[in-house]
Amino acid sequence: MKSDPKNFFEKIFKIIKPNLFNLRLYSEIIFKEMLIMTTNKSIFKLTSVLLTLLTVLGALTVAPFAAGAVGNSYSNASAYTVGKTCRGTLREGEEHFYQFTIPMSGKIEIECGTSAENGITSCVYPQDKSIRVPICTYQKYDFVKKEIIGGRYYLRIENEHQYNSRPADYWFKVTFTASKESFPSTFDKNDNSFDTARAIQTDTDYIGHSSEFDRDDYYSFTLPAAAKVSIRNFLGPAAELKLYKENRERIDSHILVMPDEARSYQLSAGRYYLHYHVYDDGEYRFRVAPDYKATKLALNRGTLGLGVGESYGLVKTVEPKYVPVSWSSSNSSVAAVDKNGKVTGKKAGTATITASAGGKKATCKVTVKSAPKSVSVKPAALKLGAGESYTICENTDSGSYANAANLKWSVSNSSVAEIKKINMTNKAVITAKKPGTVTVTVKTYNGKASSCKLMVYPAPSRVQLSKTSLTLKKGQTYTISENTPSGTYANASNLKWSSSNTKVATVAKGSGNKATIKAVAVGTATIKITLYNGKTAACKVMVK
């Protein structure tokens, strides 16, 4: 007898109606039911075409039915990859087992569905099978979220409610979202006793995680000195907090019911334990904050210049060293500061950065200017003798700024010359090492660069003056010059001129390799030139 299309689609609607919100997930199951229910060849053919078309177009997101043998016990459970959709078929009374691994604490979301008229039984177990987490029990479709800790899990699926001889198709998908927990826990439960308490730092936020599998977390902290200690809790789930001394004597126990609650204690130096027993699933956050007193607090800079987008790390000196330092900015839109004292210029303007510690404060005034559009090096070209040094400097375009601490100096060939930054200045010292030509480059924090061409010559073996003796009248001046052997070089900036008797004659460095001698009074004096490498020459001056 042929099936009546009207009756056929009424049956199909009974399948669709309870699950219209999830039609895409049920599309394959629905069309397979249509194939089973109809004997009408036209409907059968149309349904087959639709099923194939939906699969090709990707409307069906599930994977093919599981092929081959599926694990039927914990010992031979089939491996399952989290995030994938898995499918299978169960006969009445049959059960399938899958195993999967969660890398750390977090939330799993499990979707499952079945063609069985009365649903299927689906349960999740941890590796030790100690606790059952019901999933999709007795449902044709279900979606469950659960907080768990890291480890191996088993998914057990059983068809115990199919009251006909037809096998039941099923599918499931497990997705995982990691917790932000500071200490990811696993099934070794290595943080649930005094002996395995996790060591924490004071003045630091920590996040813990609670699930059916692990309600207790132990932490330990140490105080180097007596202090009033605040334990601030930011809780999602309700929890009980217990505080213990090092000898495990309980100091306090308090039920935490508010989402933001703090408890304060006057504690002496030593080690302490915190025990959180959390009643619900989820994450909780806490901080242990001692109120120490500081005897000294200072910053390495009282004033600071930055370009927009540039950063500088202020260095603090605090005594005692264990006293925590907090940072703030009077105008974070101009200059922002992080928890470590790193200041970043945001826009042109001024702001005051304040460091606070144990009742003391220290400040730094920050001036932010525009980011450099260009940078230049002076000189742009330079000659030196081997072994000679010279100080060069950089400058940015007018109105802009680049902090000297962030300038990067380099040479193209470190065997010819080396360069060293002069701290807290826009200058650097170049030292020539051997004859050759190199490029010296400076780069600002925002990538602007400029260079200087350096030519290194052999060091002079001697030096001579244009005059070895000279007679002058009182008040008269004379320009004298120096020269080194051909092919060698000594930079004029490093020439040192001197007089043996400045009451008779003085000498002043002039341009290049020249100097000006001035007769002061009757007598005799020796004018001397000294090169960077110690080579000298002299001129005897007689004043009449």
Protein backbone atom coordinates (compact mmCIF):
# COMPACT_ATOMS: atom_id res chain seq x y z
CA MET A 1 0.00 0.00 0.00
CA LYS A 2 1.36 3.39 -0.97
CA SER A 3 1.82 5.99 1.76
CA ASP A 4 -0.43 9.03 1.73
CA PRO A 5 1.70 12.18 1.20
CA LYS A 6 -0.57 14.14 3.53
CA ASN A 7 -0.17 11.63 6.37
CA PHE A 8 3.53 11.39 5.55
CA PHE A 9 4.18 15.12 6.00
CA GLU A 10 2.04 15.22 9.15
CA LYS A 11 4.42 12.63 10.62
CA ILE A 12 7.42 14.64 9.46
CA PHE A 13 5.99 17.78 11.07
CA LYS A 14 5.68 15.93 14.38
CA ILE A 15 9.42 15.34 14.19
CA ILE A 16 10.27 18.93 13.19
CA LYS A 17 7.89 20.88 15.44
CA PRO A 18 9.64 20.31 18.83
CA ASN A 19 12.99 21.16 17.30
CA LEU A 20 12.40 24.09 14.97
CA PHE A 21 15.04 26.09 16.88
CA ASN A 22 17.65 23.53 15.93
CA LEU A 23 16.49 22.50 12.46
CA ARG A 24 19.95 22.59 10.91
CA LEU A 25 21.33 20.15 13.45
CA TYR A 26 18.37 17.84 12.91
CA SER A 27 18.18 18.03 9.12
CA GLU A 28 20.00 14.79 8.46
CA ILE A 29 18.07 12.86 11.12
CA ILE A 30 14.78 14.25 9.76
CA PHE A 31 15.53 13.24 6.19
CA LYS A 32 16.65 9.77 7.24
CA GLU A 33 13.37 9.34 9.12
CA MET A 34 11.59 10.38 5.92
CA LEU A 35 13.40 7.66 3.99
CA ILE A 36 12.37 5.06 6.57
CA MET A 37 8.73 6.18 6.86
CA THR A 38 7.74 6.58 3.22
CA THR A 39 6.86 3.92 0.64
CA ASN A 40 5.91 6.54 -1.95
CA LYS A 41 8.57 6.33 -4.66
CA SER A 42 8.26 10.01 -5.64
CA ILE A 43 8.66 11.18 -2.04
CA PHE A 44 11.47 8.69 -1.48
CA LYS A 45 13.33 9.93 -4.54
CA LEU A 46 12.81 13.62 -3.62
CA THR A 47 13.97 13.02 -0.06
CA SER A 48 17.11 11.22 -1.25
CA VAL A 49 17.96 14.08 -3.59
CA LEU A 50 17.45 16.68 -0.83
CA LEU A 51 19.61 14.71 1.62
CA THR A 52 22.43 14.44 -0.94
CA LEU A 53 22.14 18.11 -1.91
CA LEU A 54 22.26 19.34 1.70
CA THR A 55 25.31 17.21 2.38
CA VAL A 56 27.14 18.51 -0.71
CA LEU A 57 26.27 22.14 0.09
CA GLY A 58 27.58 21.75 3.63
CA ALA A 59 24.25 22.39 5.34
CA LEU A 60 24.84 19.21 7.30
CA THR A 61 27.78 19.77 9.59
CA VAL A 62 27.97 16.30 11.08
CA ALA A 63 30.51 13.72 10.05
CA PRO A 64 29.56 10.38 8.49
CA PHE A 65 28.34 7.58 10.72
CA ALA A 66 31.16 5.91 12.62
CA ALA A 67 32.63 3.16 10.47
CA GLY A 68 33.90 -0.13 11.82
CA ALA A 69 33.93 -1.29 15.43
CA VAL A 70 33.27 1.28 18.18
CA GLY A 71 34.57 0.77 21.72
CA ASN A 72 32.05 -1.02 23.91
CA SER A 73 33.83 -0.64 27.27
CA TYR A 74 36.11 1.74 29.15
CA SER A 75 39.15 -0.38 28.31
CA ASN A 76 38.67 -0.14 24.53
CA ALA A 77 36.95 3.27 24.32
CA SER A 78 37.33 4.91 20.92
CA ALA A 79 39.55 7.98 20.74
CA TYR A 80 37.61 11.19 20.17
CA THR A 81 39.04 14.60 19.19
CA VAL A 82 37.44 17.54 21.02
CA GLY A 83 35.80 19.97 18.61
CA LYS A 84 34.80 17.34 16.04
CA THR A 85 31.30 16.01 15.42
CA CYS A 86 31.05 12.27 15.82
CA ARG A 87 28.21 9.94 14.76
CA GLY A 88 27.21 6.37 15.33
CA THR A 89 24.38 3.86 15.41
CA LEU A 90 23.17 1.86 18.43
CA ARG A 91 20.89 -1.15 18.70
CA GLU A 92 18.57 -1.53 21.67
CA GLY A 93 20.56 -2.28 24.84
CA GLU A 94 23.90 -1.53 23.18
CA GLU A 95 26.37 1.08 24.50
CA HIS A 96 29.35 2.90 22.98
CA PHE A 97 32.37 4.37 24.79
CA TYR A 98 34.57 7.28 23.70
CA GLN A 99 37.57 8.84 25.43
CA PHE A 100 38.91 12.38 25.11
CA THR A 101 41.43 14.60 26.90
CA ILE A 102 40.98 18.12 28.26
CA PRO A 103 44.35 19.92 28.60
CA MET A 104 43.46 22.12 31.57
CA SER A 105 40.61 23.45 33.66
CA GLY A 106 37.76 25.00 31.73
CA LYS A 107 34.27 24.61 30.36
CA ILE A 108 33.06 21.84 28.08
CA GLU A 109 29.91 22.18 26.00
CA ILE A 110 28.33 18.95 24.82
CA GLU A 111 25.68 18.73 22.10
CA CYS A 112 24.06 15.43 21.24
CA GLY A 113 21.06 14.19 19.31
CA THR A 114 19.47 10.92 18.26
CA SER A 115 16.81 9.44 16.03
CA ALA A 116 15.65 7.21 18.92
CA GLU A 117 12.02 8.00 19.72
CA ASN A 118 12.67 8.18 23.46
CA GLY A 119 16.19 9.56 23.35
CA ILE A 120 19.38 7.94 24.58
CA THR A 121 21.33 7.90 27.82
CA SER A 122 24.64 9.77 27.65
CA CYS A 123 27.04 10.25 30.56
CA VAL A 124 30.55 11.63 31.06
CA TYR A 125 33.01 10.14 33.57
CA PRO A 126 36.50 11.23 34.68
CA GLN A 127 39.38 8.83 34.19
CA ASP A 128 38.93 7.27 37.62
CA LYS A 129 35.16 6.91 36.90
CA SER A 130 34.42 8.28 40.37
CA ILE A 131 31.79 10.86 39.38
CA ARG A 132 29.15 10.76 36.69
CA VAL A 133 28.18 13.95 34.85
CA PRO A 134 24.79 13.40 33.19
CA ILE A 135 24.64 14.65 29.62
CA CYS A 136 21.61 14.47 27.29
CA THR A 137 19.91 11.81 29.42
CA TYR A 138 16.70 10.50 27.82
CA GLN A 139 16.59 13.30 25.23
CA LYS A 140 16.40 13.36 21.43
CA TYR A 141 18.50 16.54 21.57
CA ASP A 142 20.30 18.28 24.42
CA PHE A 143 22.97 20.90 25.01
CA VAL A 144 24.86 20.95 28.32
CA LYS A 145 27.67 23.11 29.71
CA LYS A 146 29.92 21.85 32.48
CA GLU A 147 32.98 23.15 34.37
CA ILE A 148 35.69 20.50 34.65
CA ILE A 149 39.39 20.21 35.38
CA GLY A 150 42.01 18.95 32.97
CA GLY A 151 42.44 15.24 32.37
CA ARG A 152 41.04 12.25 30.50
CA TYR A 153 37.29 11.69 30.27
CA TYR A 154 34.96 8.99 28.99
CA LEU A 155 31.67 9.50 27.18
CA ARG A 156 29.28 6.55 27.55
CA ILE A 157 26.25 6.40 25.22
CA GLU A 158 23.53 3.76 25.68
CA ASN A 159 20.35 2.98 23.72
CA GLU A 160 18.11 1.62 26.45
CA HIS A 161 14.79 3.24 25.52
CA GLN A 162 14.23 2.29 21.89
CA TYR A 163 11.06 0.19 21.89
CA ASN A 164 11.29 -1.14 18.36
CA SER A 165 13.74 -3.22 16.43
CA ARG A 166 15.24 -0.34 14.47
CA PRO A 167 18.77 0.83 15.36
CA ALA A 168 19.05 4.41 16.60
CA ASP A 169 21.39 6.94 15.03
CA TYR A 170 23.14 9.43 17.29
CA TRP A 171 25.66 12.25 17.05
CA PHE A 172 27.58 14.35 19.54
CA LYS A 173 30.10 17.18 19.66
CA VAL A 174 32.29 18.30 22.59
CA THR A 175 33.83 21.80 22.58
CA PHE A 176 36.20 23.22 25.20
CA THR A 177 36.97 26.74 26.49
CA ALA A 178 40.05 27.05 28.70
CA SER A 179 39.81 28.65 32.12
CA LYS A 180 41.92 31.70 32.96
CA GLU A 181 43.05 29.89 36.09
CA SER A 182 46.52 30.92 37.28
CA PHE A 183 47.31 27.33 38.20
CA PRO A 184 45.72 24.85 35.75
CA SER A 185 44.82 21.77 37.80
CA THR A 186 44.58 18.17 36.65
CA PHE A 187 43.42 14.91 38.14
CA ASP A 188 46.51 14.62 40.31
CA LYS A 189 44.76 17.30 42.41
CA ASN A 190 48.13 18.56 43.56
CA ASP A 191 46.71 21.66 45.23
CA ASN A 192 44.11 20.20 47.58
CA SER A 193 46.12 19.77 50.80
CA PHE A 194 48.52 21.64 53.06
CA ASP A 195 51.45 19.58 51.81
CA THR A 196 50.75 20.39 48.16
CA ALA A 197 49.61 24.01 48.59
CA ARG A 198 50.60 26.26 45.71
CA ALA A 199 53.00 29.09 46.62
CA ILE A 200 51.71 32.53 45.64
CA GLN A 201 53.14 36.06 45.68
CA THR A 202 51.51 38.87 47.60
CA ASP A 203 50.02 41.88 45.77
CA THR A 204 49.21 39.71 42.77
CA ASP A 205 45.82 38.70 41.39
CA TYR A 206 45.24 34.94 41.12
CA ILE A 207 42.40 33.05 39.47
CA GLY A 208 41.20 29.68 40.73
CA HIS A 209 38.78 27.21 39.19
CA SER A 210 36.09 25.04 40.76
CA SER A 211 34.12 22.11 39.39
CA GLU A 212 32.38 18.93 40.58
CA PHE A 213 35.77 17.24 40.41
CA ASP A 214 37.72 19.70 42.56
CA ARG A 215 36.09 21.94 45.16
CA ASP A 216 39.18 22.59 47.34
CA ASP A 217 42.26 24.68 46.60
CA TYR A 218 45.16 25.37 48.99
CA TYR A 219 47.64 28.24 48.65
CA SER A 220 50.60 29.38 50.75
CA PHE A 221 52.24 32.79 51.08
CA THR A 222 55.10 34.21 53.16
CA LEU A 223 55.37 37.56 54.94
CA PRO A 224 58.94 38.87 55.46
CA ALA A 225 57.70 41.27 58.15
CA ALA A 226 54.64 41.92 60.28
CA ALA A 227 51.83 43.68 58.48
CA LYS A 228 48.11 44.24 58.25
CA VAL A 229 47.05 41.88 55.47
CA SER A 230 43.95 42.30 53.32
CA ILE A 231 42.60 39.26 51.48
CA ARG A 232 40.29 40.50 48.74
CA ASN A 233 38.03 38.05 46.95
CA PHE A 234 36.27 38.50 43.63
CA LEU A 235 33.95 35.53 43.49
CA GLY A 236 31.56 34.12 40.97
CA PRO A 237 30.65 31.02 42.96
CA ALA A 238 30.13 31.12 46.72
CA ALA A 239 33.06 29.83 48.73
CA GLU A 240 34.36 29.29 52.24
CA LEU A 241 37.77 30.77 53.04
CA LYS A 242 39.97 29.47 55.85
CA LEU A 243 43.27 31.05 56.94
CA TYR A 244 45.93 29.02 58.77
CA LYS A 245 49.29 29.63 60.40
CA GLU A 246 52.34 27.66 59.30
CA ASN A 247 51.68 25.12 62.08
CA ARG A 248 48.22 24.70 60.49
CA GLU A 249 46.42 26.33 63.39
CA ARG A 250 43.29 27.97 62.02
CA ILE A 251 43.14 31.76 62.27
CA ASP A 252 39.76 32.39 60.69
CA SER A 253 36.96 30.77 58.73
CA HIS A 254 34.41 32.87 56.89
CA ILE A 255 31.64 32.11 54.42
CA LEU A 256 32.10 34.34 51.38
CA VAL A 257 28.71 35.13 49.89
CA MET A 258 29.32 38.51 48.24
CA PRO A 259 30.93 38.80 44.79
CA ASP A 260 33.46 41.35 46.11
CA GLU A 261 34.53 40.98 49.72
CA ALA A 262 37.71 41.66 51.71
CA ARG A 263 38.96 40.39 55.07
CA SER A 264 41.83 42.00 57.01
CA TYR A 265 44.20 40.43 59.55
CA GLN A 266 47.15 41.66 61.59
CA LEU A 267 49.81 39.02 60.94
CA SER A 268 53.40 38.58 62.04
CA ALA A 269 56.25 37.51 59.76
CA GLY A 270 56.04 33.90 58.60
CA ARG A 271 54.26 31.45 56.33
CA TYR A 272 50.48 31.14 56.01
CA TYR A 273 47.94 28.95 54.20
CA LEU A 274 44.70 29.81 52.43
CA HIS A 275 42.06 27.15 51.90
CA TYR A 276 39.21 27.83 49.47
CA HIS A 277 36.26 25.45 49.47
CA VAL A 278 34.09 26.54 46.54
CA TYR A 279 30.46 25.45 46.43
CA ASP A 280 29.64 26.08 42.79
CA ASP A 281 31.26 25.69 39.37
CA GLY A 282 33.23 28.58 37.94
CA GLU A 283 36.24 30.83 38.45
CA TYR A 284 37.18 32.92 41.46
CA ARG A 285 39.87 35.60 41.84
CA PHE A 286 41.75 36.72 44.94
CA ARG A 287 44.66 38.88 46.09
CA VAL A 288 46.71 38.89 49.31
CA ALA A 289 47.82 42.48 50.00
CA PRO A 290 50.09 43.28 52.99
CA ASP A 291 50.26 46.90 54.15
CA TYR A 292 54.01 47.30 54.77
CA LYS A 293 55.65 50.60 55.77
CA ALA A 294 58.43 51.98 53.54
CA THR A 295 61.45 53.89 54.83
CA LYS A 296 62.58 55.11 51.40
CA LEU A 297 61.13 55.55 47.92
CA ALA A 298 62.93 57.28 45.02
CA LEU A 299 62.83 57.33 41.22
CA ASN A 300 65.77 57.55 38.84
CA ARG A 301 64.19 60.50 37.00
CA GLY A 302 62.51 63.62 38.34
CA THR A 303 61.69 64.81 34.83
CA LEU A 304 61.24 62.85 31.63
CA GLY A 305 60.77 63.69 27.96
CA LEU A 306 59.01 61.36 25.52
CA GLY A 307 57.74 61.40 21.98
CA VAL A 308 54.19 60.31 21.22
CA GLY A 309 54.18 56.51 21.20
CA GLU A 310 57.50 56.27 23.04
CA SER A 311 58.03 54.37 26.31
CA TYR A 312 60.50 54.58 29.17
CA GLY A 313 60.78 52.40 32.27
CA LEU A 314 61.19 54.41 35.45
CA VAL A 315 63.47 52.72 37.97
CA LYS A 316 62.37 52.74 41.60
CA THR A 317 64.42 52.40 44.75
CA VAL A 318 62.34 51.22 47.69
CA GLU A 319 63.35 50.15 51.17
CA PRO A 320 62.61 47.61 52.47
CA LYS A 321 62.74 45.96 49.05
CA TYR A 322 59.69 43.77 49.68
CA VAL A 323 57.34 46.76 49.95
CA PRO A 324 55.12 46.79 46.81
CA VAL A 325 55.01 49.90 44.65
CA SER A 326 51.90 51.14 42.84
CA TRP A 327 51.91 53.60 39.94
CA SER A 328 49.50 56.26 38.73
CA SER A 329 49.35 59.10 36.19
CA SER A 330 47.75 62.49 36.70
CA ASN A 331 46.70 62.42 33.04
CA SER A 332 46.77 58.98 31.42
CA SER A 333 45.58 60.41 28.11
CA VAL A 334 48.96 62.22 27.90
CA ALA A 335 51.23 59.70 29.63
CA ALA A 336 50.11 56.26 30.82
CA VAL A 337 52.03 54.09 33.28
CA ASP A 338 51.76 50.34 33.85
CA LYS A 339 52.18 48.30 37.04
CA ASN A 340 55.95 48.07 36.48
CA GLY A 341 56.57 51.81 36.05
CA LYS A 342 56.75 51.77 32.26
CA VAL A 343 55.60 55.18 31.00
CA THR A 344 54.19 55.62 27.49
CA GLY A 345 53.57 58.95 25.75
CA LYS A 346 50.04 59.14 24.33
CA LYS A 347 49.69 62.72 23.10
CA ALA A 348 51.48 66.06 23.45
CA GLY A 349 51.19 67.56 26.92
CA THR A 350 52.41 67.10 30.49
CA ALA A 351 51.55 64.63 33.23
CA THR A 352 52.91 63.63 36.62
CA ILE A 353 53.71 60.00 37.31
CA THR A 354 53.44 59.03 40.97
CA ALA A 355 54.95 55.98 42.65
CA SER A 356 53.42 55.02 46.02
CA ALA A 357 54.78 52.51 48.51
CA GLY A 358 54.14 51.98 52.20
CA GLY A 359 53.04 55.53 52.93
CA LYS A 360 55.69 57.25 50.77
CA LYS A 361 55.46 58.82 47.32
CA ALA A 362 57.86 59.85 44.55
CA THR A 363 56.99 61.74 41.38
CA CYS A 364 58.30 62.33 37.87
CA LYS A 365 57.08 65.14 35.60
CA VAL A 366 56.65 63.87 32.03
CA THR A 367 56.60 66.12 28.97
CA VAL A 368 55.31 64.51 25.78
CA LYS A 369 56.04 66.03 22.37
CA SER A 370 55.27 65.02 18.80
CA ALA A 371 56.94 61.92 17.39
CA PRO A 372 60.00 62.73 15.22
CA LYS A 373 59.43 63.06 11.49
CA SER A 374 63.17 63.12 10.84
CA VAL A 375 66.51 62.82 12.63
CA SER A 376 70.00 64.09 11.78
CA VAL A 377 73.53 63.24 12.91
CA LYS A 378 76.33 65.76 13.37
CA PRO A 379 78.78 65.57 11.76
CA ALA A 380 77.47 63.89 8.62
CA ALA A 381 81.04 62.91 7.66
CA LEU A 382 84.04 62.26 9.90
CA LYS A 383 87.74 61.39 9.71
CA LEU A 384 89.68 59.74 12.55
CA GLY A 385 93.02 58.11 13.11
CA ALA A 386 93.15 54.49 14.28
CA GLY A 387 92.65 54.46 18.05
CA GLU A 388 91.06 57.92 18.09
CA SER A 389 87.63 58.69 19.58
CA TYR A 390 85.02 61.30 18.73
CA THR A 391 81.64 62.26 20.21
CA ILE A 392 78.77 62.64 17.74
CA CYS A 393 75.19 63.71 18.47
CA GLU A 394 71.71 63.43 17.00
CA ASN A 395 68.83 65.88 16.75
CA THR A 396 65.19 65.49 15.74
CA ASP A 397 63.07 67.99 13.83
CA SER A 398 61.89 71.07 15.70
CA GLY A 399 59.05 70.51 18.20
CA SER A 400 59.48 66.73 18.28
CA TYR A 401 61.25 64.49 20.78
CA ALA A 402 62.92 61.11 21.06
CA ASN A 403 64.27 60.04 24.44
CA ALA A 404 68.01 59.37 24.37
CA ALA A 405 67.52 56.13 26.29
CA ASN A 406 65.72 54.66 23.29
CA LEU A 407 68.21 55.77 20.61
CA LYS A 408 69.91 52.86 18.84
CA TRP A 409 73.43 53.49 17.54
CA SER A 410 75.23 51.08 15.21
CA VAL A 411 78.23 50.79 12.87
CA SER A 412 78.30 48.86 9.63
CA ASN A 413 81.63 47.16 10.45
CA SER A 414 82.56 46.76 14.11
CA SER A 415 86.11 45.68 13.22
CA VAL A 416 86.80 49.18 11.80
CA ALA A 417 85.04 51.20 14.52
CA GLU A 418 82.82 50.79 17.58
CA ILE A 419 80.23 53.06 19.12
CA LYS A 420 78.96 53.49 22.68
CA LYS A 421 75.92 55.50 23.76
CA ILE A 422 76.45 58.16 26.43
CA ASN A 423 73.70 57.43 28.95
CA MET A 424 70.80 59.86 29.19
CA THR A 425 72.12 62.04 26.34
CA ASN A 426 71.65 62.29 22.59
CA LYS A 427 75.37 61.62 22.11
CA ALA A 428 77.56 58.61 21.41
CA VAL A 429 81.33 58.02 21.32
CA ILE A 430 82.89 56.54 18.18
CA THR A 431 86.25 54.84 18.54
CA ALA A 432 88.25 54.06 15.40
CA LYS A 433 89.95 50.65 15.49
CA LYS A 434 91.69 50.19 12.14
CA PRO A 435 91.86 51.89 8.71
CA GLY A 436 88.70 51.55 6.63
CA THR A 437 85.33 53.16 5.91
CA VAL A 438 82.11 52.52 7.85
CA THR A 439 78.65 53.98 8.24
CA VAL A 440 77.51 55.07 11.70
CA THR A 441 73.71 55.04 12.07
CA VAL A 442 71.29 56.32 14.71
CA LYS A 443 67.64 55.20 14.81
CA THR A 444 64.81 56.63 16.91
CA TYR A 445 62.06 54.65 18.67
CA ASN A 446 59.69 55.20 15.72
CA GLY A 447 62.16 54.06 13.06
CA LYS A 448 63.53 57.39 11.81
CA ALA A 449 67.23 57.07 10.95
CA SER A 450 70.28 59.10 9.94
CA SER A 451 73.92 58.20 9.31
CA CYS A 452 77.48 59.50 9.33
CA LYS A 453 80.24 58.33 6.98
CA LEU A 454 83.42 57.56 8.93
CA MET A 455 86.84 57.18 7.31
CA VAL A 456 89.60 55.75 9.51
CA TYR A 457 93.27 56.41 8.68
CA PRO A 458 96.51 55.05 10.21
CA ALA A 459 97.56 56.70 13.46
CA PRO A 460 100.23 59.43 13.10
CA SER A 461 103.79 58.31 13.88
CA ARG A 462 104.83 61.92 14.56
CA VAL A 463 103.58 65.53 14.37
CA GLN A 464 105.28 68.79 13.37
CA LEU A 465 104.48 72.49 13.73
CA SER A 466 104.71 75.17 11.04
CA LYS A 467 107.24 76.98 13.28
CA THR A 468 109.77 75.53 15.73
CA SER A 469 110.81 78.96 17.07
CA LEU A 470 109.15 82.34 17.04
CA THR A 471 109.92 85.93 18.20
CA LEU A 472 107.00 88.24 18.99
CA LYS A 473 106.52 91.69 20.46
CA LYS A 474 104.33 92.15 23.50
CA GLY A 475 100.66 92.13 22.42
CA GLN A 476 101.44 90.56 19.05
CA THR A 477 99.62 87.33 17.87
CA TYR A 478 100.60 84.55 15.51
CA THR A 479 98.66 81.67 13.90
CA ILE A 480 100.50 78.38 14.03
CA SER A 481 99.46 75.05 12.45
CA GLU A 482 100.28 71.35 12.86
CA ASN A 483 100.69 68.54 10.35
CA THR A 484 101.03 64.76 10.49
CA PRO A 485 102.75 62.47 7.96
CA SER A 486 100.93 61.95 4.65
CA GLY A 487 98.21 59.27 4.80
CA THR A 488 97.78 59.54 8.56
CA TYR A 489 95.18 61.53 10.46
CA ALA A 490 94.42 63.14 13.81
CA ASN A 491 91.07 64.88 14.21
CA ALA A 492 91.43 68.58 15.03
CA SER A 493 88.88 68.35 17.84
CA ASN A 494 91.28 66.14 19.80
CA LEU A 495 94.39 68.37 19.39
CA LYS A 496 95.68 69.66 22.71
CA TRP A 497 97.62 72.96 22.70
CA SER A 498 99.49 74.21 25.78
CA SER A 499 101.94 76.89 26.94
CA SER A 500 104.74 76.31 29.42
CA ASN A 501 104.34 79.88 30.73
CA THR A 502 100.98 81.56 30.16
CA LYS A 503 102.31 84.78 31.77
CA VAL A 504 104.61 85.14 28.75
CA ALA A 505 102.52 83.61 25.93
CA THR A 506 99.13 81.97 25.64
CA VAL A 507 97.77 79.63 22.98
CA ALA A 508 94.13 79.12 21.90
CA LYS A 509 92.82 76.43 19.57
CA GLY A 510 91.60 77.84 16.29
CA SER A 511 89.81 76.30 13.32
CA GLY A 512 91.05 72.95 12.00
CA ASN A 513 94.69 72.25 12.76
CA LYS A 514 95.50 75.86 13.69
CA ALA A 515 96.02 77.74 16.96
CA THR A 516 96.60 81.38 17.90
CA ILE A 517 99.64 82.36 19.99
CA LYS A 518 99.49 85.70 21.88
CA ALA A 519 102.52 87.43 23.38
CA VAL A 520 101.66 88.63 26.88
CA ALA A 521 104.93 89.79 28.49
CA VAL A 522 108.68 89.80 27.94
CA GLY A 523 110.17 86.37 28.39
CA THR A 524 110.32 82.87 26.93
CA ALA A 525 107.65 80.15 26.67
CA THR A 526 107.25 76.85 24.87
CA ILE A 527 104.05 76.18 22.89
CA LYS A 528 103.28 72.43 22.65
CA ILE A 529 100.94 70.34 20.52
CA THR A 530 99.84 66.84 21.71
CA LEU A 531 97.98 64.34 19.52
CA TYR A 532 95.40 61.80 20.73
CA ASN A 533 98.07 59.07 20.62
CA GLY A 534 100.64 61.04 22.61
CA LYS A 535 102.80 62.32 19.74
CA THR A 536 104.09 65.89 20.41
CA ALA A 537 105.87 68.85 18.83
CA ALA A 538 106.97 72.24 20.24
CA CYS A 539 107.68 75.84 19.25
CA LYS A 540 109.93 78.14 21.36
CA VAL A 541 108.46 81.65 21.67
CA MET A 542 110.53 84.70 22.71
CA VAL A 543 108.64 87.85 23.61
CA LYS A 544 110.53 91.19 23.50
